[in-house]
Protein backbone atom coordinates (compact mmCIF):
# COMPACT_ATOMS: atom_id res chain seq x y z
CA UNK A 1 16.41 53.85 52.37
CA UNK A 2 12.80 53.16 51.51
CA UNK A 3 13.03 55.54 48.57
CA UNK A 4 16.18 53.49 47.35
CA UNK A 5 14.33 50.24 47.90
CA UNK A 6 11.09 51.91 46.22
CA UNK A 7 13.42 52.96 43.07
CA UNK A 8 15.21 49.54 42.89
CA UNK A 9 11.82 47.45 42.95
CA UNK A 10 10.49 50.13 40.04
CA UNK A 11 13.43 48.96 38.15
CA UNK A 12 12.84 45.72 38.54
CA UNK A 13 9.44 46.06 37.48
CA UNK A 14 10.09 47.49 34.34
CA UNK A 15 13.14 45.43 33.31
CA UNK A 16 10.96 42.37 33.40
CA UNK A 17 8.13 44.33 31.51
CA UNK A 18 10.43 44.91 29.12
CA UNK A 19 12.08 41.72 28.73
CA UNK A 20 8.72 40.22 28.58
CA UNK A 21 7.13 42.61 25.47
CA UNK A 22 10.87 42.02 23.72
CA UNK A 23 10.38 38.24 23.91
CA UNK A 24 6.66 38.26 22.42
CA UNK A 25 8.18 40.33 19.60
CA UNK A 26 10.99 38.14 18.99
CA UNK A 27 8.51 35.70 18.80
CA UNK A 28 6.11 37.27 16.39
CA UNK A 29 9.54 38.33 14.23
CA UNK A 30 10.76 34.89 14.20
CA UNK A 31 7.46 32.88 13.15
CA UNK A 32 7.92 35.40 9.64
CA UNK A 33 11.81 34.89 9.37
CA UNK A 34 12.47 32.35 6.42
CA UNK A 35 14.71 29.29 7.07
CA UNK A 36 17.77 31.18 5.74
CA UNK A 37 17.35 34.30 8.15
CA UNK A 38 16.71 32.31 11.08
CA UNK A 39 20.07 30.75 10.10
CA UNK A 40 21.99 34.11 9.95
CA UNK A 41 20.22 34.89 13.33
CA UNK A 42 21.10 31.46 15.27
CA UNK A 43 25.13 31.88 14.07
CA UNK A 44 25.04 35.28 14.79
CA UNK A 45 24.31 34.64 18.22
CA UNK A 46 25.58 31.67 19.19
CA UNK A 47 29.13 32.07 20.81
CA UNK A 48 29.32 28.48 21.90
CA UNK A 49 30.28 26.88 18.48
CA UNK A 50 33.77 27.34 17.76
CA UNK A 51 35.32 28.50 14.30
CA UNK A 52 35.60 25.77 12.15
CA UNK A 53 38.73 25.79 9.82
CA UNK A 54 39.42 23.85 6.72
CA UNK A 55 41.43 20.63 7.26
CA UNK A 56 42.45 20.16 3.80
CA UNK A 57 46.14 20.69 4.42
CA UNK A 58 45.59 19.01 7.76
CA UNK A 59 43.38 15.78 7.52
CA UNK A 60 41.38 16.36 10.79
CA UNK A 61 37.58 15.98 10.51
CA UNK A 62 36.93 15.54 14.27
CA UNK A 63 35.53 19.46 14.52
CA UNK A 64 33.39 19.22 11.41
CA UNK A 65 31.99 16.18 13.00
CA UNK A 66 31.33 17.52 15.99
CA UNK A 67 29.49 20.42 14.66
CA UNK A 68 27.04 18.44 12.56
CA UNK A 69 26.45 15.20 14.66
CA UNK A 70 23.91 16.99 17.00
CA UNK A 71 21.50 18.29 14.22
CA UNK A 72 21.15 14.80 12.33
CA UNK A 73 18.07 12.86 13.38
CA UNK A 74 17.39 9.70 13.27
CA UNK A 75 13.50 9.23 11.50
CA UNK A 76 11.12 6.08 11.97
CA UNK A 77 7.95 6.21 10.11
CA UNK A 78 4.85 3.76 9.82
CA UNK A 79 2.60 3.39 7.23
CA UNK A 80 -0.28 1.39 5.83
CA UNK A 81 0.66 -1.55 3.51
CA UNK A 82 -2.45 -0.54 1.62
CA UNK A 83 -1.32 -0.39 -2.15
CA UNK A 84 -0.30 3.19 -4.07
CA UNK A 85 -0.05 4.24 -7.46
CA UNK A 86 2.38 2.50 -9.70
CA UNK A 87 5.12 5.55 -9.25
CA UNK A 88 5.01 5.40 -5.56
CA UNK A 89 5.50 1.58 -5.90
CA UNK A 90 8.49 1.90 -7.84
CA UNK A 91 10.08 4.82 -5.93
CA UNK A 92 9.88 2.97 -2.89
CA UNK A 93 11.19 -0.21 -4.66
CA UNK A 94 14.19 2.28 -6.06
CA UNK A 95 14.50 3.96 -2.86
CA UNK A 96 13.10 2.65 0.24
CA UNK A 97 14.42 -0.82 -0.20
CA UNK A 98 17.95 0.98 -0.25
CA UNK A 99 17.60 3.26 2.66
CA UNK A 100 15.03 2.27 5.14
CA UNK A 101 15.02 -1.50 6.86
CA UNK A 102 11.54 -2.21 5.85
CA UNK A 103 9.64 -5.52 6.96
CA UNK A 104 8.33 -7.45 3.83
CA UNK A 105 5.19 -6.62 2.50
CA UNK A 106 1.88 -7.58 4.24
CA UNK A 107 -1.32 -6.20 5.18
CA UNK A 108 -0.25 -4.32 8.80
CA UNK A 109 1.99 -1.11 9.52
CA UNK A 110 5.12 -1.30 7.83
CA UNK A 111 8.09 0.66 9.34
CA UNK A 112 10.95 2.32 7.64
CA UNK A 113 13.82 4.31 8.83
CA UNK A 114 16.15 7.08 7.41
CA UNK A 115 17.77 10.76 8.65
CA UNK A 116 17.14 14.24 8.51
CA UNK A 117 19.06 17.67 9.40
CA UNK A 118 18.02 20.17 11.45
CA UNK A 119 18.02 23.65 10.12
CA UNK A 120 16.04 26.00 12.57
CA UNK A 121 16.25 26.06 15.88
CA UNK A 122 12.31 25.83 15.88
CA UNK A 123 12.52 22.46 14.35
CA UNK A 124 12.59 22.60 10.73
CA UNK A 125 13.98 19.31 9.39
CA UNK A 126 14.93 18.41 5.89
CA UNK A 127 15.12 15.16 4.36
CA UNK A 128 13.70 13.16 1.39
CA UNK A 129 10.65 13.23 0.10
CA UNK A 130 10.68 8.99 -0.51
CA UNK A 131 11.51 9.03 3.54
CA UNK A 132 7.99 10.00 4.95
CA UNK A 133 6.03 9.49 1.39
CA UNK A 134 2.85 8.19 2.89
CA UNK A 135 3.88 8.04 6.38
CA UNK A 136 0.76 7.90 9.09
CA UNK A 137 3.68 8.68 11.66
CA UNK A 138 7.21 9.87 11.98
CA UNK A 139 9.18 9.85 14.88
CA UNK A 140 12.22 11.60 15.22
CA UNK A 141 15.15 10.60 17.98
CA UNK A 142 17.71 13.36 18.49
CA UNK A 143 21.24 12.95 18.75
CA UNK A 144 20.80 13.25 22.56
CA UNK A 145 18.27 10.86 22.24
CA UNK A 146 14.97 13.03 22.76
CA UNK A 147 11.79 12.11 21.28
CA UNK A 148 9.51 13.82 18.73
CA UNK A 149 6.46 13.01 16.44
CA UNK A 150 7.37 15.12 13.24
CA UNK A 151 4.49 16.83 10.71
CA UNK A 152 4.63 16.86 7.06
CA UNK A 153 4.60 20.77 5.97
CA UNK A 154 5.24 20.11 2.15
CA UNK A 155 7.28 17.70 -0.30
CA UNK A 156 8.37 17.77 -3.63
CA UNK A 157 8.85 14.91 -5.64
CA UNK A 158 10.58 16.54 -8.23
CA UNK A 159 14.09 16.77 -6.24
CA UNK A 160 13.11 13.99 -3.74
CA UNK A 161 13.09 16.62 -1.05
CA UNK A 162 10.87 17.22 2.15
CA UNK A 163 10.20 19.32 4.82
CA UNK A 164 9.14 18.33 8.61
CA UNK A 165 8.65 19.92 11.61
CA UNK A 166 9.06 18.98 15.21
CA UNK A 167 7.92 21.53 18.14
CA UNK A 168 10.88 22.42 19.85
CA UNK A 169 12.79 25.46 20.71
CA UNK A 170 16.85 26.04 20.57
CA UNK A 171 17.42 22.81 19.09
CA UNK A 172 20.87 22.61 17.43
CA UNK A 173 21.20 23.45 13.82
CA UNK A 174 23.77 22.71 10.82
CA UNK A 175 24.80 25.56 9.35
CA UNK A 176 23.79 25.61 5.38
CA UNK A 177 27.04 25.81 2.98
CA UNK A 178 27.24 26.94 -0.65
CA UNK A 179 26.85 23.62 -2.75
CA UNK A 180 28.35 26.01 -5.94
CA UNK A 181 31.99 26.13 -4.11
CA UNK A 182 32.20 22.67 -3.73
CA UNK A 183 35.23 20.91 -5.76
CA UNK A 184 35.85 17.58 -6.93
CA UNK A 185 38.42 16.00 -5.01
CA UNK A 186 37.22 17.76 -1.81
CA UNK A 187 37.06 16.16 1.46
CA UNK A 188 33.44 15.57 2.49
CA UNK A 189 31.71 13.76 5.25
CA UNK A 190 28.42 12.05 5.11
CA UNK A 191 26.39 11.94 8.32
CA UNK A 192 23.73 9.91 9.02
CA UNK A 193 21.82 6.36 10.31
CA UNK A 194 22.96 3.45 8.26
CA UNK A 195 21.12 0.25 9.45
CA UNK A 196 19.83 1.93 12.24
CA UNK A 197 23.63 2.69 13.71
CA UNK A 198 22.92 6.19 14.46
CA UNK A 199 25.20 9.24 14.49
CA UNK A 200 27.62 7.36 11.98
CA UNK A 201 30.04 9.73 10.17
CA UNK A 202 31.93 8.29 7.05
CA UNK A 203 34.30 10.41 4.95
CA UNK A 204 35.46 10.81 1.45
CA UNK A 205 36.38 13.28 -1.28
CA UNK A 206 33.16 14.77 -4.14
CA UNK A 207 34.04 12.69 -6.88
CA UNK A 208 31.83 14.43 -9.34
CA UNK A 209 29.59 17.04 -9.16
CA UNK A 210 25.92 17.98 -11.88
CA UNK A 211 25.39 13.96 -11.76
CA UNK A 212 21.71 13.06 -13.37
CA UNK A 213 21.27 9.33 -12.65
CA UNK A 214 17.62 8.88 -14.03
CA UNK A 215 16.37 8.02 -10.49
CA UNK A 216 14.19 10.99 -10.01
CA UNK A 217 10.38 11.50 -11.20
CA UNK A 218 10.86 8.54 -13.92
CA UNK A 219 8.27 5.38 -14.60
CA UNK A 220 11.00 3.03 -15.77
CA UNK A 221 9.97 -0.52 -16.68
CA UNK A 222 11.33 -3.39 -13.80
CA UNK A 223 14.13 -5.01 -14.58
CA UNK A 224 16.63 -7.20 -12.47
CA UNK A 225 19.11 -4.70 -11.61
CA UNK A 226 17.48 -1.62 -10.77
CA UNK A 227 20.18 0.24 -9.16
CA UNK A 228 22.99 -0.71 -11.86
CA UNK A 229 23.93 1.06 -15.10
CA UNK A 230 20.88 -0.23 -17.02
CA UNK A 231 18.62 1.91 -14.61
CA UNK A 232 20.88 4.98 -14.19
CA UNK A 233 21.75 5.27 -18.28
CA UNK A 234 18.65 4.01 -20.26
CA UNK A 235 19.29 3.80 -23.54
CA UNK A 236 15.30 4.55 -24.71
CA UNK A 237 14.56 7.31 -21.60
CA UNK A 238 11.16 8.43 -20.71
CA UNK A 239 9.51 11.33 -19.79
CA UNK A 240 11.17 12.61 -16.80
CA UNK A 241 10.21 15.68 -14.49
CA UNK A 242 12.83 14.59 -12.00
CA UNK A 243 15.45 17.37 -11.30
CA UNK A 244 18.82 16.13 -10.64
CA UNK A 245 22.11 17.75 -10.61
CA UNK A 246 23.83 15.47 -7.69
CA UNK A 247 27.20 15.79 -5.98
CA UNK A 248 28.34 12.20 -6.07
CA UNK A 249 30.94 11.15 -3.36
CA UNK A 250 32.82 8.19 -2.22
CA UNK A 251 31.79 8.83 1.45
CA UNK A 252 30.22 5.09 2.81
CA UNK A 253 26.26 5.99 1.97
CA UNK A 254 24.23 2.55 3.66
CA UNK A 255 20.66 2.03 3.80
CA UNK A 256 19.35 4.77 6.68
CA UNK A 257 21.44 7.48 5.53
CA UNK A 258 18.96 8.55 3.14
CA UNK A 259 18.22 11.84 4.29
CA UNK A 260 21.18 12.75 5.87
CA UNK A 261 23.67 15.39 6.05
CA UNK A 262 26.87 15.66 3.42
CA UNK A 263 28.85 18.97 4.48
CA UNK A 264 32.11 20.00 4.28
CA UNK A 265 35.27 20.29 6.41
CA UNK A 266 33.99 23.67 8.06
CA UNK A 267 31.04 21.54 9.17
CA UNK A 268 28.49 23.23 6.53
CA UNK A 269 25.91 21.23 4.92
CA UNK A 270 26.24 21.39 0.94
CA UNK A 271 23.90 18.37 0.16
CA UNK A 272 21.02 15.77 1.05
CA UNK A 273 22.49 12.19 1.12
CA UNK A 274 19.80 10.93 -1.61
CA UNK A 275 20.60 7.77 -3.43
CA UNK A 276 23.54 5.23 -4.15
CA UNK A 277 25.14 3.34 -7.36
CA UNK A 278 24.57 -0.47 -6.19
CA UNK A 279 24.34 -3.96 -7.31
CA UNK A 280 22.94 -5.07 -3.68
CA UNK A 281 21.44 -1.86 -2.17
CA UNK A 282 24.51 -1.52 -0.38
CA UNK A 283 27.62 0.85 -0.31
CA UNK A 284 29.32 -0.42 -3.61
CA UNK A 285 31.72 3.22 -3.77
CA UNK A 286 29.21 6.01 -4.86
CA UNK A 287 26.56 7.80 -3.42
CA UNK A 288 24.77 11.15 -4.52
CA UNK A 289 23.19 14.16 -2.84
CA UNK A 290 21.06 16.59 -3.54
CA UNK A 291 23.13 20.25 -3.31
CA UNK A 292 21.94 22.55 -0.59
CA UNK A 293 21.66 25.47 -2.94
CA UNK A 294 19.23 23.67 -4.62
CA UNK A 295 17.76 22.40 -1.69
CA UNK A 296 17.14 26.01 -0.03
CA UNK A 297 14.97 27.25 -2.55
CA UNK A 298 12.94 24.08 -2.67
CA UNK A 299 12.57 24.38 1.43
CA UNK A 300 12.04 28.03 1.84
CA UNK A 301 8.94 27.87 -0.74
CA UNK A 302 7.63 25.21 1.14
CA UNK A 303 7.98 26.87 4.45
CA UNK A 304 6.62 30.19 2.43
CA UNK A 305 4.16 28.98 0.46
CA UNK A 306 3.27 25.36 1.04
CA UNK A 307 4.71 24.50 -2.32
CA UNK A 308 7.26 24.81 -5.06
CA UNK A 309 7.26 27.65 -7.13
CA UNK A 310 8.52 26.70 -10.12
CA UNK A 311 9.86 28.66 -13.02
CA UNK A 312 10.12 26.98 -16.78
CA UNK A 313 12.18 28.24 -19.78
CA UNK A 314 9.48 26.35 -22.46
CA UNK A 315 11.69 23.98 -24.13
CA UNK A 316 12.17 20.75 -25.01
CA UNK A 317 15.49 19.64 -25.55
CA UNK A 318 17.95 16.92 -26.85
CA UNK A 319 20.96 16.32 -24.45
CA UNK A 320 23.95 16.61 -26.83
CA UNK A 321 26.22 14.50 -24.33
CA UNK A 322 24.49 11.20 -25.92
CA UNK A 323 26.25 10.50 -29.11
CA UNK A 324 23.14 8.62 -29.88
CA UNK A 325 20.89 11.27 -29.25
CA UNK A 326 23.16 14.09 -30.87
CA UNK A 327 23.46 11.50 -34.28
CA UNK A 328 19.18 11.89 -33.93
CA UNK A 329 19.34 15.35 -34.15
CA UNK A 330 22.23 15.19 -36.87
CA UNK A 331 24.46 17.61 -34.60
CA UNK A 332 28.47 17.13 -34.56
CA UNK A 333 28.51 18.76 -30.88
CA UNK A 334 29.28 16.91 -27.98
CA UNK A 335 28.36 19.54 -25.51
CA UNK A 336 24.81 21.70 -24.96
CA UNK A 337 20.97 21.26 -25.39
CA UNK A 338 19.83 21.24 -28.82
CA UNK A 339 16.23 23.09 -28.75
CA UNK A 340 13.69 20.55 -30.15
CA UNK A 341 10.47 22.49 -29.27
CA UNK A 342 9.07 25.60 -28.18
CA UNK A 343 6.07 25.76 -25.44
CA UNK A 344 3.69 28.12 -27.38
CA UNK A 345 3.69 31.69 -25.53
CA UNK A 346 6.67 30.14 -23.29
CA UNK A 347 9.64 32.13 -21.91
CA UNK A 348 11.97 30.87 -24.45
CA UNK A 349 9.68 31.69 -27.13
CA UNK A 350 8.85 35.01 -26.26
CA UNK A 351 12.46 35.58 -25.76
CA UNK A 352 13.46 34.68 -29.48
CA UNK A 353 15.20 31.33 -29.21
CA UNK A 354 14.15 28.74 -32.34
CA UNK A 355 14.22 25.49 -33.13
CA UNK A 356 17.15 23.92 -33.32
CA UNK A 357 18.94 26.61 -31.13
CA UNK A 358 21.80 25.10 -29.32
CA UNK A 359 21.99 26.05 -25.48
CA UNK A 360 25.96 26.10 -24.68
CA UNK A 361 25.86 28.24 -21.76
CA UNK A 362 23.78 29.09 -18.58
CA UNK A 363 24.66 32.46 -16.71
CA UNK A 364 27.94 32.34 -18.31
CA UNK A 365 28.56 28.81 -16.85
CA UNK A 366 29.20 26.14 -20.06
CA UNK A 367 26.39 24.03 -20.36
CA UNK A 368 27.77 20.05 -20.74
CA UNK A 369 24.74 18.01 -19.78
CA UNK A 370 20.79 18.55 -19.19
CA UNK A 371 21.24 18.70 -14.97
CA UNK A 372 23.70 21.56 -15.79
CA UNK A 373 20.46 23.92 -16.81
CA UNK A 374 17.65 22.36 -14.82
CA UNK A 375 19.38 22.46 -11.46
CA UNK A 376 19.96 26.48 -12.16
CA UNK A 377 16.51 27.11 -13.57
CA UNK A 378 15.04 25.10 -10.64
CA UNK A 379 16.45 27.85 -8.12
CA UNK A 380 14.62 30.33 -9.37
CA UNK A 381 10.59 31.54 -9.29
CA UNK A 382 8.34 32.73 -11.76
CA UNK A 383 9.26 35.81 -13.42
CA UNK A 384 12.86 35.24 -12.72
CA UNK A 385 15.26 36.26 -15.61
CA UNK A 386 17.89 33.50 -16.74
CA UNK A 387 20.27 34.44 -19.12
CA UNK A 388 21.48 31.85 -22.02
CA UNK A 389 23.79 31.84 -24.82
CA UNK A 390 22.72 29.49 -27.59
CA UNK A 391 24.87 28.42 -31.40
CA UNK A 392 22.70 29.40 -33.97
CA UNK A 393 24.07 29.07 -37.40
CA UNK A 394 27.89 28.91 -36.10
CA UNK A 395 26.98 32.16 -33.90
CA UNK A 396 26.65 32.86 -30.38
CA UNK A 397 23.91 35.00 -29.38
CA UNK A 398 22.54 35.69 -26.04
CA UNK A 399 19.01 35.78 -24.51
CA UNK A 400 17.72 36.68 -21.04
CA UNK A 401 14.24 34.42 -20.51
CA UNK A 402 12.08 35.12 -18.19
CA UNK A 403 10.27 32.17 -16.47
CA UNK A 404 6.98 31.47 -16.94
CA UNK A 405 4.66 29.47 -14.19
CA UNK A 406 3.80 26.16 -15.43
CA UNK A 407 1.23 23.44 -14.31
CA UNK A 408 2.07 22.55 -10.90
CA UNK A 409 3.42 19.21 -10.28
CA UNK A 410 3.08 19.03 -6.76
CA UNK A 411 1.75 15.38 -4.99
CA UNK A 412 3.35 12.42 -2.24
CA UNK A 413 2.65 11.11 2.28
CA UNK A 414 0.68 8.78 3.73
CA UNK A 415 -6.26 6.90 10.28
CA UNK A 416 -5.12 7.14 13.81
CA UNK A 417 -6.17 8.79 16.84
CA UNK A 418 -3.02 10.76 16.83
CA UNK A 419 -3.51 14.42 15.66
CA UNK A 420 0.05 14.56 14.42
CA UNK A 421 -0.56 11.43 12.58
CA UNK A 422 -3.84 12.81 11.05
CA UNK A 423 -2.36 15.59 9.85
CA UNK A 424 0.02 13.66 7.98
CA UNK A 425 -2.92 11.47 6.96
CA UNK A 426 -4.41 14.61 5.55
CA UNK A 427 -1.49 14.26 2.79
CA UNK A 428 -1.87 18.55 1.60
CA UNK A 429 -0.24 21.53 2.67
CA UNK A 430 -1.82 25.01 3.31
CA UNK A 431 -1.68 28.68 3.55
CA UNK A 432 -3.81 31.59 4.61
CA UNK A 433 -6.33 32.64 1.96
CA UNK A 434 -5.29 35.83 0.25
CA UNK A 435 -7.31 38.89 0.05
CA UNK A 436 -7.72 37.67 -3.70
CA UNK A 437 -9.14 34.69 -2.43
CA UNK A 438 -11.33 35.82 0.15
CA UNK A 439 -12.74 38.16 -2.54
CA UNK A 440 -13.63 35.58 -4.77
CA UNK A 441 -15.28 33.30 -2.94
CA UNK A 442 -16.83 35.48 -0.56
CA UNK A 443 -14.83 34.47 2.84
CA UNK A 444 -13.91 36.40 6.01
CA UNK A 445 -11.44 33.33 6.55
CA UNK A 446 -9.58 30.14 5.45
CA UNK A 447 -6.52 28.27 4.36
CA UNK A 448 -5.95 27.84 0.72
CA UNK A 449 -4.61 23.84 -0.21
CA UNK A 450 -1.03 24.56 -1.69
CA UNK A 451 -0.37 20.96 -2.24
CA UNK A 452 -1.87 17.32 -2.59
CA UNK A 453 0.39 14.25 -2.27
CA UNK A 454 -0.87 11.24 -3.28
CA UNK A 455 -2.57 8.41 -1.15
CA UNK A 456 -3.25 10.96 1.39
CA UNK A 457 -7.11 12.00 2.44
CA UNK A 458 -6.96 14.79 0.21
CA UNK A 459 -5.91 12.80 -2.95
CA UNK A 460 -8.79 10.27 -2.08
CA UNK A 461 -11.40 12.87 -2.22
CA UNK A 462 -9.92 14.61 -5.16
CA UNK A 463 -9.56 17.66 -3.79
CA UNK A 464 -7.13 19.75 -5.71
CA UNK A 465 -4.48 22.16 -5.37
CA UNK A 466 -6.23 25.47 -4.95
CA UNK A 467 -9.43 24.55 -2.90
CA UNK A 468 -9.86 26.61 0.38
CA UNK A 469 -10.82 24.74 3.51
CA UNK A 470 -12.99 26.64 5.71
CA UNK A 471 -14.23 24.73 8.50
CA UNK A 472 -13.48 21.23 10.29
CA UNK A 473 -15.74 19.65 12.52
CA UNK A 474 -17.67 23.69 12.12
CA UNK A 475 -14.81 24.70 13.56
CA UNK A 476 -13.47 28.13 11.42
CA UNK A 477 -10.11 27.38 10.01
CA UNK A 478 -7.83 30.09 9.14
CA UNK A 479 -4.07 28.59 9.80
CA UNK A 480 -2.51 25.24 10.33
CA UNK A 481 -2.63 25.78 14.05
CA UNK A 482 -6.89 26.17 13.46
CA UNK A 483 -6.42 22.59 11.69
CA UNK A 484 -4.16 20.92 14.72
CA UNK A 485 -6.70 22.22 17.40
CA UNK A 486 -9.93 20.83 15.20
CA UNK A 487 -8.61 17.31 14.62
CA UNK A 488 -7.34 16.83 18.28
CA UNK A 489 -9.30 15.32 20.93
CA UNK A 490 -11.88 14.15 18.61
CA UNK A 491 -15.05 13.30 20.32
CA UNK A 492 -16.62 10.48 18.13
CA UNK A 493 -13.83 9.82 15.41
CA UNK A 494 -15.87 11.42 12.92
CA UNK A 495 -14.03 13.71 10.58
CA UNK A 496 -16.02 16.67 8.42
CA UNK A 497 -13.65 18.73 6.07
CA UNK A 498 -15.80 21.88 4.32
CA UNK A 499 -14.57 24.34 1.71
CA UNK A 500 -14.86 25.16 -1.72
CA UNK A 501 -13.32 23.97 -4.94
CA UNK A 502 -11.11 25.90 -7.23
CA UNK A 503 -14.05 26.94 -9.44
CA UNK A 504 -15.94 27.85 -6.24
CA UNK A 505 -18.41 24.70 -5.99
CA UNK A 506 -18.72 23.78 -2.34
CA UNK A 507 -17.53 20.32 -0.71
CA UNK A 508 -17.81 18.52 2.51
CA UNK A 509 -16.13 15.23 2.89
CA UNK A 510 -16.33 13.25 6.16
CA UNK A 511 -14.21 10.28 7.11
CA UNK A 512 -13.79 7.94 10.49
CA UNK A 513 -10.96 8.31 12.58
CA UNK A 514 -10.09 5.08 14.35
CA UNK A 515 -10.43 5.13 18.26
């Protein structure tokens, strides 16, 4: 009997040790997984969620709404009223007034609100860049009324996307779909928090795809109708770094929906709601969402590298879908992109494209307007190849263009005694230094600055991307967790950040934190 008891005890202890070891290995493995991988693991092991079938034949949105609503969160931001640059003010006017219930401008902290979507069980949330731009504090309320404080992981103003994170486990998530499969006329649901009415679901159809409305990355002149056709279709377009290929929908989207979910009837996330066409700032029939296939690339880059790695074809072009533009270049074509200029040493020039070529297809898909090309390119990395078909002297020619890296355009987000707020206020994203960077700066560790956002502390100190932070308050920094530790429980409110500029020069920047 004693022997049986001893055997059982040994088996129990051995099993507990094996389970503990497995959990440690599982956590280490999960920390290195991409968002896509976490999605696959979550939905492969989550047997609680029933399979959701399309309700196109029998219009019933209840299953899709039930699957998505728990993972759509309410975002409330607090930010200072101190003025930023003109582009940021413009973005806040164009986006913030539309999607956040903001208080009048004054010399006191201001509040705004929006939505976000949980996309990994450990707390990664996708939202719009303009929702968290310059935020000192980001408060998250889940559908089941739990409260968290979020940290900005990184932003991409060129797509109006941001990745933020809360500390949680086993959080409900939305399954990422395939926005390429979305069809005009297909039923969709918009889920968000309009007018502070949390967990609101509206229904509509996909009205159009590939919409470029000229609202991201453009420094337009002020007018009395900032959200109407004159804003969307400027007759004299200015240089624009924005990447737009919106899914247009007539599902009702209102202030507070920004950053929320656009899902199909299978409950799959196909877009992030971002803008509306309106004369009043409220719903007038058309909303626009960033396609999730573009968002996947941006979010995975931010998670992996701390900033978006974007490849460029190396051309400037004229969109022939605009008759006035086509007339200027003396073209009788009604679609395609007229190559107006080639970047010396760029991918297009190296592949053999010439000025006067007309890009008619990308990866075999017809190019009707600029968004058809830009969105496809934006999904790829420097070094990737993209297949272009061009019309030259009446004949079609094919080229494989290797995308080249361009100058990073990353920069956006907002002192208090909260470590998470202070981290957001730094206005930067970080990754551990590589062996090459350690050798270059003769270091044993540190974190490299992968993004600097307008209005943050790093922006104020003019610490550029590529700099290496080695210490904060004399504490060695080798990870984001080290940064959190260094700025928690400050004794005298003084923060000193030390490191090296990309050219090797050292810096020691200090600032005070309000106690």
